[in-house]
N, C-alpha and C. Protein backbone atom coordinates (compact mmCIF):
# COMPACT_ATOMS: atom_id res chain seq x y z
N MET A 1 65.91 -0.25 -27.59
CA MET A 1 66.76 -0.78 -26.83
C MET A 1 68.26 -0.73 -27.24
N LYS A 2 69.25 -0.38 -26.56
CA LYS A 2 70.62 0.16 -27.25
C LYS A 2 71.52 -1.16 -27.43
N LEU A 3 72.28 -1.13 -28.23
CA LEU A 3 73.13 -2.28 -28.77
C LEU A 3 73.77 -3.13 -27.53
N GLY A 4 74.18 -2.29 -26.56
CA GLY A 4 74.71 -3.34 -25.37
C GLY A 4 73.75 -4.02 -24.57
N ALA A 5 72.70 -3.38 -24.36
CA ALA A 5 71.65 -4.03 -23.65
C ALA A 5 71.12 -5.27 -24.59
N ARG A 6 70.81 -4.88 -25.73
CA ARG A 6 70.40 -6.07 -26.87
C ARG A 6 71.31 -7.20 -26.93
N LEU A 7 72.73 -7.09 -26.76
CA LEU A 7 73.65 -8.02 -26.83
C LEU A 7 73.75 -8.94 -25.43
N ILE A 8 73.46 -8.15 -24.47
CA ILE A 8 73.42 -8.66 -23.04
C ILE A 8 72.33 -9.66 -22.88
N THR A 9 71.28 -9.04 -23.48
CA THR A 9 69.72 -9.97 -23.33
C THR A 9 69.90 -10.98 -24.29
N HIS A 10 70.36 -10.87 -25.61
CA HIS A 10 70.63 -12.15 -26.42
C HIS A 10 71.56 -13.21 -25.76
N ALA A 11 72.70 -12.97 -25.30
CA ALA A 11 73.42 -13.66 -24.74
C ALA A 11 72.82 -14.46 -23.46
N PHE A 12 72.19 -13.90 -22.59
CA PHE A 12 71.50 -14.40 -21.48
C PHE A 12 70.27 -15.46 -21.92
N SER A 13 69.60 -15.00 -23.09
CA SER A 13 68.53 -15.65 -23.55
C SER A 13 69.15 -17.00 -24.10
N ALA A 14 70.26 -16.86 -24.95
CA ALA A 14 70.62 -18.09 -25.67
C ALA A 14 71.19 -18.95 -24.56
N GLY A 15 71.87 -18.68 -23.49
CA GLY A 15 72.29 -19.21 -22.54
C GLY A 15 71.19 -19.94 -21.71
N ALA A 16 70.08 -19.27 -21.38
CA ALA A 16 68.97 -20.06 -20.82
C ALA A 16 68.28 -21.07 -21.56
N ALA A 17 68.13 -20.76 -22.69
CA ALA A 17 67.50 -21.74 -23.85
C ALA A 17 68.37 -23.14 -23.84
N GLY A 18 69.85 -22.86 -23.82
CA GLY A 18 70.72 -24.06 -24.03
C GLY A 18 70.55 -24.82 -22.95
N ILE A 19 70.59 -24.18 -21.69
CA ILE A 19 70.64 -25.04 -20.34
C ILE A 19 69.17 -25.58 -20.18
N SER A 20 68.04 -24.95 -20.58
CA SER A 20 66.72 -25.61 -20.44
C SER A 20 66.73 -26.76 -21.54
N PHE A 21 67.19 -26.60 -22.79
CA PHE A 21 67.24 -27.88 -23.63
C PHE A 21 67.79 -28.99 -23.01
N ILE A 22 69.11 -28.73 -22.48
CA ILE A 22 69.94 -29.80 -21.99
C ILE A 22 69.35 -30.49 -20.71
N ALA A 23 68.72 -29.62 -19.79
CA ALA A 23 68.08 -30.19 -18.45
C ALA A 23 66.73 -30.48 -18.49
N GLN A 24 66.06 -30.70 -19.69
CA GLN A 24 64.72 -30.97 -19.93
C GLN A 24 64.28 -32.51 -19.29
N PRO A 25 65.16 -33.37 -19.50
CA PRO A 25 64.69 -34.71 -19.09
C PRO A 25 64.29 -34.77 -17.68
N LEU A 26 64.83 -34.02 -16.70
CA LEU A 26 64.46 -34.09 -15.35
C LEU A 26 63.50 -32.88 -15.24
N PRO A 27 62.11 -33.20 -15.05
CA PRO A 27 61.22 -31.98 -15.03
C PRO A 27 61.52 -30.97 -13.75
N GLY A 28 61.58 -29.65 -14.16
CA GLY A 28 61.85 -28.63 -13.25
C GLY A 28 63.19 -28.49 -12.83
N SER A 29 64.15 -29.27 -13.46
CA SER A 29 65.41 -28.96 -12.97
C SER A 29 66.18 -27.95 -13.73
N ASP A 30 65.62 -27.35 -14.82
CA ASP A 30 66.14 -26.09 -15.53
C ASP A 30 65.80 -24.89 -14.75
N GLN A 31 64.89 -25.12 -13.85
CA GLN A 31 64.72 -23.75 -13.15
C GLN A 31 65.78 -23.32 -12.11
N LEU A 32 66.72 -24.48 -11.64
CA LEU A 32 67.69 -24.35 -10.90
C LEU A 32 68.65 -23.11 -11.54
N PHE A 33 68.81 -23.19 -12.86
CA PHE A 33 69.86 -22.58 -13.57
C PHE A 33 69.11 -21.33 -14.22
N VAL A 34 67.88 -21.47 -14.92
CA VAL A 34 67.33 -20.42 -15.76
C VAL A 34 66.85 -19.25 -14.88
N ILE A 35 66.23 -19.54 -13.55
CA ILE A 35 65.90 -18.50 -12.69
C ILE A 35 66.93 -17.59 -12.17
N PRO A 36 68.26 -18.17 -11.71
CA PRO A 36 69.30 -17.26 -11.44
C PRO A 36 69.70 -16.56 -12.69
N ILE A 37 69.81 -17.09 -13.86
CA ILE A 37 70.26 -16.48 -15.04
C ILE A 37 69.38 -15.21 -15.23
N GLN A 38 68.16 -15.43 -15.07
CA GLN A 38 67.14 -14.23 -15.30
C GLN A 38 67.64 -13.18 -14.43
N TYR A 39 67.47 -13.38 -13.09
CA TYR A 39 68.02 -12.38 -12.26
C TYR A 39 69.20 -11.73 -12.46
N LEU A 40 70.24 -12.61 -12.77
CA LEU A 40 71.60 -11.88 -13.18
C LEU A 40 71.28 -11.09 -14.31
N LEU A 41 70.29 -11.35 -15.39
CA LEU A 41 70.29 -10.55 -16.55
C LEU A 41 69.79 -9.14 -16.09
N ALA A 42 68.58 -9.29 -15.21
CA ALA A 42 68.21 -7.99 -14.67
C ALA A 42 68.97 -7.17 -14.03
N ALA A 43 69.89 -7.70 -13.11
CA ALA A 43 71.12 -6.86 -12.38
C ALA A 43 72.12 -6.54 -13.44
N SER A 44 72.39 -7.19 -14.51
CA SER A 44 73.40 -6.92 -15.27
C SER A 44 72.89 -5.59 -16.32
N LEU A 45 71.81 -5.59 -16.73
CA LEU A 45 71.26 -4.49 -17.60
C LEU A 45 71.18 -3.34 -16.65
N ALA A 46 70.87 -3.40 -15.44
CA ALA A 46 70.84 -2.31 -14.55
C ALA A 46 72.09 -1.82 -14.13
N LYS A 47 73.12 -2.67 -14.07
CA LYS A 47 74.62 -2.40 -13.91
C LYS A 47 75.22 -1.64 -15.25
N GLU A 48 74.81 -2.13 -16.16
CA GLU A 48 75.19 -1.62 -17.56
C GLU A 48 74.96 -0.02 -17.69
N ARG A 49 73.84 0.17 -17.16
CA ARG A 49 73.07 1.77 -17.35
C ARG A 49 73.79 2.49 -16.16
N GLY A 50 74.44 1.74 -15.03
CA GLY A 50 74.79 2.43 -14.03
C GLY A 50 73.89 3.00 -12.89
N THR A 51 72.72 2.24 -12.88
CA THR A 51 71.53 2.55 -12.01
C THR A 51 71.05 1.40 -11.50
N SER A 52 70.03 1.45 -10.69
CA SER A 52 69.35 0.16 -10.07
C SER A 52 67.89 0.41 -10.74
N LEU A 53 67.20 -0.77 -10.50
CA LEU A 53 65.84 -0.94 -10.86
C LEU A 53 64.95 -0.28 -9.52
N SER A 54 63.85 0.16 -9.77
CA SER A 54 62.91 0.87 -8.62
C SER A 54 62.29 -0.44 -7.93
N LYS A 55 61.83 -0.25 -6.80
CA LYS A 55 61.11 -1.30 -6.13
C LYS A 55 59.92 -1.84 -6.77
N ALA A 56 59.18 -1.01 -7.58
CA ALA A 56 58.07 -1.61 -8.25
C ALA A 56 58.48 -2.27 -9.62
N ALA A 57 59.68 -1.83 -10.03
CA ALA A 57 60.11 -2.65 -11.26
C ALA A 57 60.64 -3.98 -10.86
N TRP A 58 61.25 -4.10 -9.59
CA TRP A 58 61.62 -5.43 -9.20
C TRP A 58 60.47 -6.28 -8.90
N SER A 59 59.49 -5.70 -8.33
CA SER A 59 58.36 -6.46 -8.18
C SER A 59 57.74 -7.15 -9.57
N GLN A 60 57.60 -6.29 -10.51
CA GLN A 60 57.24 -6.81 -11.87
C GLN A 60 58.38 -7.84 -12.35
N VAL A 61 59.68 -7.69 -11.95
CA VAL A 61 60.62 -8.58 -12.63
C VAL A 61 60.56 -9.90 -11.93
N HIS A 62 60.10 -9.96 -10.67
CA HIS A 62 59.76 -11.26 -9.89
C HIS A 62 58.68 -11.95 -10.53
N GLN A 63 57.69 -11.19 -10.99
CA GLN A 63 56.52 -11.72 -11.60
C GLN A 63 56.67 -12.39 -12.89
N ILE A 64 57.50 -11.69 -13.58
CA ILE A 64 58.05 -12.43 -15.09
C ILE A 64 58.84 -13.60 -14.88
N ILE A 65 59.81 -13.54 -13.94
CA ILE A 65 60.76 -14.84 -13.78
C ILE A 65 60.03 -15.91 -13.35
N TRP A 66 59.12 -15.75 -12.13
CA TRP A 66 58.47 -16.78 -11.59
C TRP A 66 57.44 -17.35 -12.52
N GLY A 67 56.64 -16.34 -13.15
CA GLY A 67 55.50 -16.64 -14.10
C GLY A 67 55.99 -17.50 -15.27
N GLY A 68 57.41 -17.07 -15.76
CA GLY A 68 58.04 -17.75 -16.89
C GLY A 68 58.23 -19.46 -16.37
N GLY A 69 58.81 -19.22 -14.95
CA GLY A 69 59.21 -20.73 -14.50
C GLY A 69 58.08 -21.56 -14.46
N ALA A 70 56.91 -21.14 -14.02
CA ALA A 70 55.82 -21.92 -13.83
C ALA A 70 55.12 -22.32 -15.33
N LEU A 71 55.33 -21.36 -16.24
CA LEU A 71 55.03 -21.74 -17.69
C LEU A 71 55.84 -22.93 -18.07
N ARG A 72 57.30 -22.81 -18.12
CA ARG A 72 58.18 -23.84 -18.42
C ARG A 72 57.85 -25.14 -17.70
N LEU A 73 57.58 -25.00 -16.42
CA LEU A 73 57.23 -26.43 -15.94
C LEU A 73 56.11 -26.94 -16.00
N ALA A 74 54.95 -26.19 -16.24
CA ALA A 74 53.56 -26.67 -16.86
C ALA A 74 53.81 -27.48 -18.21
N LEU A 75 54.35 -26.61 -19.14
CA LEU A 75 54.90 -27.32 -20.53
C LEU A 75 55.88 -28.43 -20.39
N ASN A 76 56.60 -28.54 -19.55
CA ASN A 76 57.63 -29.65 -19.24
C ASN A 76 56.82 -30.92 -18.82
N LEU A 77 55.70 -30.69 -17.83
CA LEU A 77 54.91 -31.81 -17.39
C LEU A 77 53.93 -32.38 -18.34
N THR A 78 53.75 -31.40 -19.43
CA THR A 78 52.67 -32.06 -20.45
C THR A 78 53.57 -32.53 -21.72
N LEU A 79 54.25 -31.62 -22.09
CA LEU A 79 54.94 -32.07 -23.49
C LEU A 79 56.38 -32.67 -23.31
N GLY A 80 56.84 -32.51 -22.27
CA GLY A 80 58.09 -33.20 -21.66
C GLY A 80 57.93 -34.67 -21.83
N LEU A 81 56.73 -35.24 -22.04
CA LEU A 81 56.78 -36.68 -22.16
C LEU A 81 56.89 -36.91 -23.53
N ILE A 82 56.96 -36.00 -24.72
CA ILE A 82 57.53 -36.39 -26.08
C ILE A 82 58.77 -36.03 -26.11
N PRO A 83 59.77 -36.99 -26.54
CA PRO A 83 61.12 -36.75 -26.45
C PRO A 83 61.56 -35.64 -26.88
N LEU A 84 61.42 -35.22 -27.98
CA LEU A 84 62.17 -33.93 -28.51
C LEU A 84 61.39 -32.92 -28.35
N ALA A 85 60.25 -32.88 -28.40
CA ALA A 85 59.16 -31.58 -28.42
C ALA A 85 59.33 -31.07 -27.03
N GLY A 86 59.46 -31.94 -25.86
CA GLY A 86 59.61 -31.34 -24.56
C GLY A 86 60.98 -30.49 -24.65
N ALA A 87 61.99 -30.89 -24.96
CA ALA A 87 63.31 -30.22 -24.84
C ALA A 87 63.10 -28.75 -25.63
N VAL A 88 62.51 -28.94 -26.98
CA VAL A 88 62.45 -27.79 -27.74
C VAL A 88 61.53 -26.72 -27.13
N THR A 89 60.39 -27.14 -26.67
CA THR A 89 59.34 -26.37 -26.02
C THR A 89 60.08 -25.69 -24.74
N ASN A 90 60.85 -26.36 -23.90
CA ASN A 90 61.54 -25.73 -22.75
C ASN A 90 62.44 -24.75 -23.21
N ALA A 91 63.23 -25.09 -24.29
CA ALA A 91 64.30 -24.02 -24.76
C ALA A 91 63.69 -22.94 -25.30
N ILE A 92 62.51 -23.00 -26.06
CA ILE A 92 61.67 -21.99 -26.56
C ILE A 92 61.25 -21.00 -25.47
N THR A 93 60.63 -21.44 -24.62
CA THR A 93 59.96 -20.65 -23.46
C THR A 93 61.15 -19.97 -22.70
N ALA A 94 62.16 -20.65 -22.33
CA ALA A 94 63.21 -20.08 -21.72
C ALA A 94 63.80 -18.75 -22.32
N PHE A 95 63.82 -19.13 -23.76
CA PHE A 95 64.51 -18.03 -24.54
C PHE A 95 63.48 -16.77 -24.56
N VAL A 96 62.30 -17.04 -24.88
CA VAL A 96 61.26 -16.06 -24.92
C VAL A 96 61.07 -15.24 -23.60
N THR A 97 61.00 -15.87 -22.51
CA THR A 97 60.66 -15.29 -21.31
C THR A 97 61.80 -14.57 -20.85
N THR A 98 63.13 -14.93 -21.11
CA THR A 98 64.57 -14.10 -20.89
C THR A 98 64.43 -12.99 -21.83
N GLU A 99 63.95 -13.14 -23.00
CA GLU A 99 63.99 -11.69 -23.96
C GLU A 99 63.10 -10.99 -23.47
N TYR A 100 61.85 -11.40 -23.19
CA TYR A 100 60.92 -10.50 -22.56
C TYR A 100 61.41 -9.88 -21.43
N LEU A 101 61.91 -10.51 -20.42
CA LEU A 101 62.51 -9.82 -19.19
C LEU A 101 63.48 -8.74 -19.65
N GLY A 102 64.42 -9.03 -20.61
CA GLY A 102 65.42 -8.14 -20.87
C GLY A 102 64.80 -6.72 -21.48
N HIS A 103 63.86 -7.04 -22.35
CA HIS A 103 63.10 -5.79 -22.91
C HIS A 103 62.39 -5.17 -21.85
N TYR A 104 61.72 -5.85 -20.95
CA TYR A 104 61.09 -5.21 -19.74
C TYR A 104 61.84 -4.34 -19.03
N VAL A 105 63.01 -4.88 -18.48
CA VAL A 105 63.90 -4.32 -17.71
C VAL A 105 64.61 -2.97 -18.34
N ASP A 106 64.88 -3.10 -19.74
CA ASP A 106 65.33 -2.13 -20.52
C ASP A 106 64.38 -0.80 -20.38
N ARG A 107 63.06 -1.15 -20.60
CA ARG A 107 62.09 -0.09 -20.71
C ARG A 107 61.82 0.52 -19.20
N ALA A 108 61.84 -0.51 -18.34
CA ALA A 108 61.86 0.14 -16.83
C ALA A 108 62.82 1.16 -16.54
N LEU A 109 64.14 0.71 -17.07
CA LEU A 109 65.23 1.54 -16.71
C LEU A 109 65.13 2.92 -17.44
N ASP A 110 64.46 2.97 -18.50
CA ASP A 110 64.25 4.17 -19.26
C ASP A 110 63.38 5.27 -18.58
N ASN A 111 62.41 4.67 -17.77
CA ASN A 111 61.43 5.44 -16.81
C ASN A 111 61.31 4.86 -15.50
N PRO A 112 62.35 4.97 -14.71
CA PRO A 112 62.38 4.60 -13.36
C PRO A 112 61.27 4.83 -12.47
N ASN A 113 60.71 6.20 -12.47
CA ASN A 113 59.60 6.56 -11.78
C ASN A 113 58.22 5.61 -12.02
N ARG A 114 58.08 5.22 -13.18
CA ARG A 114 56.80 4.55 -13.62
C ARG A 114 57.07 3.27 -14.50
N PRO A 115 57.51 2.25 -13.99
CA PRO A 115 57.91 1.06 -14.85
C PRO A 115 56.54 0.69 -15.66
N PRO A 116 57.04 0.15 -16.84
CA PRO A 116 55.85 -0.17 -17.68
C PRO A 116 55.02 -1.45 -17.12
N PRO A 117 53.78 -1.70 -17.46
CA PRO A 117 52.99 -2.81 -16.98
C PRO A 117 53.67 -4.26 -17.61
N VAL A 118 53.54 -5.13 -16.96
CA VAL A 118 53.99 -6.52 -17.57
C VAL A 118 52.77 -7.04 -18.47
N LEU A 119 53.06 -7.61 -19.37
CA LEU A 119 52.16 -8.37 -20.38
C LEU A 119 51.25 -9.26 -19.68
N SER A 120 49.98 -9.19 -20.08
CA SER A 120 48.96 -10.29 -19.38
C SER A 120 48.76 -11.21 -20.52
N ILE A 121 48.09 -12.39 -20.44
CA ILE A 121 48.07 -13.18 -21.48
C ILE A 121 47.21 -12.68 -22.70
N GLU A 122 46.20 -11.75 -22.39
CA GLU A 122 45.54 -11.07 -23.48
C GLU A 122 46.27 -10.25 -24.28
N ASP A 123 47.57 -9.70 -23.72
CA ASP A 123 48.40 -8.73 -24.51
C ASP A 123 49.35 -9.28 -25.30
N ILE A 124 49.68 -10.66 -25.26
CA ILE A 124 50.73 -11.20 -26.02
C ILE A 124 50.46 -11.31 -27.38
N PRO A 125 49.29 -11.77 -28.02
CA PRO A 125 49.25 -11.75 -29.51
C PRO A 125 49.49 -10.31 -30.19
N GLY A 126 48.93 -9.18 -29.48
CA GLY A 126 49.27 -7.88 -29.87
C GLY A 126 50.71 -7.50 -29.87
N ALA A 127 51.42 -7.78 -28.77
CA ALA A 127 52.74 -7.33 -28.45
C ALA A 127 53.58 -8.32 -29.57
N ILE A 128 53.35 -9.44 -29.90
CA ILE A 128 53.92 -10.27 -30.91
C ILE A 128 53.87 -9.64 -32.36
N ALA A 129 52.64 -9.10 -32.53
CA ALA A 129 52.20 -8.47 -34.00
C ALA A 129 53.03 -7.28 -33.99
N SER A 130 52.87 -6.56 -32.99
CA SER A 130 53.58 -5.09 -33.03
C SER A 130 55.09 -5.30 -33.20
N HIS A 131 55.77 -6.25 -32.43
CA HIS A 131 57.19 -6.62 -32.57
C HIS A 131 57.63 -6.79 -34.15
N PHE A 132 56.82 -7.70 -34.81
CA PHE A 132 57.17 -7.86 -36.08
C PHE A 132 56.73 -6.86 -37.16
N THR A 133 55.85 -5.95 -36.92
CA THR A 133 55.49 -4.92 -37.65
C THR A 133 56.63 -3.81 -37.48
N ALA A 134 57.12 -3.54 -36.35
CA ALA A 134 58.09 -2.65 -36.17
C ALA A 134 59.25 -2.96 -36.81
N ARG A 135 59.78 -4.17 -36.91
CA ARG A 135 60.94 -4.83 -37.56
C ARG A 135 60.71 -4.47 -39.18
N ALA A 136 59.53 -4.69 -39.59
CA ALA A 136 59.36 -4.61 -41.10
C ALA A 136 59.43 -3.17 -41.52
N ARG A 137 59.32 -2.25 -40.81
CA ARG A 137 59.53 -0.88 -41.07
C ARG A 137 60.93 -0.51 -41.42
């Protein structure tokens, strides 16, 4: 991931996390802000490259965004009852899903004819481990 795309992704992720943290007391209200932020991130990364995402990549982008929204809502309805834990969990999930979206869009723009597959639940532990082992090198 190039520096420009990385900085854009981090900025959008921090914004999504901050808004999620603040909006947590009203379950689901963060979705009104985080989902548009994530779509704006995908469009911004494509614009930064001077290209657009393929139809297949946009389909996967929708899955990531709405899947992340469902995850945040589920965690908000369970952990949201605990005063600080709900806000922190909401912010973390918004940050992580936005970061993942940015990395996915960047990889999809690298290879527009065949976008990478979206992670499934089974793939997440391996992806996290490979991310930290890659940084350690």
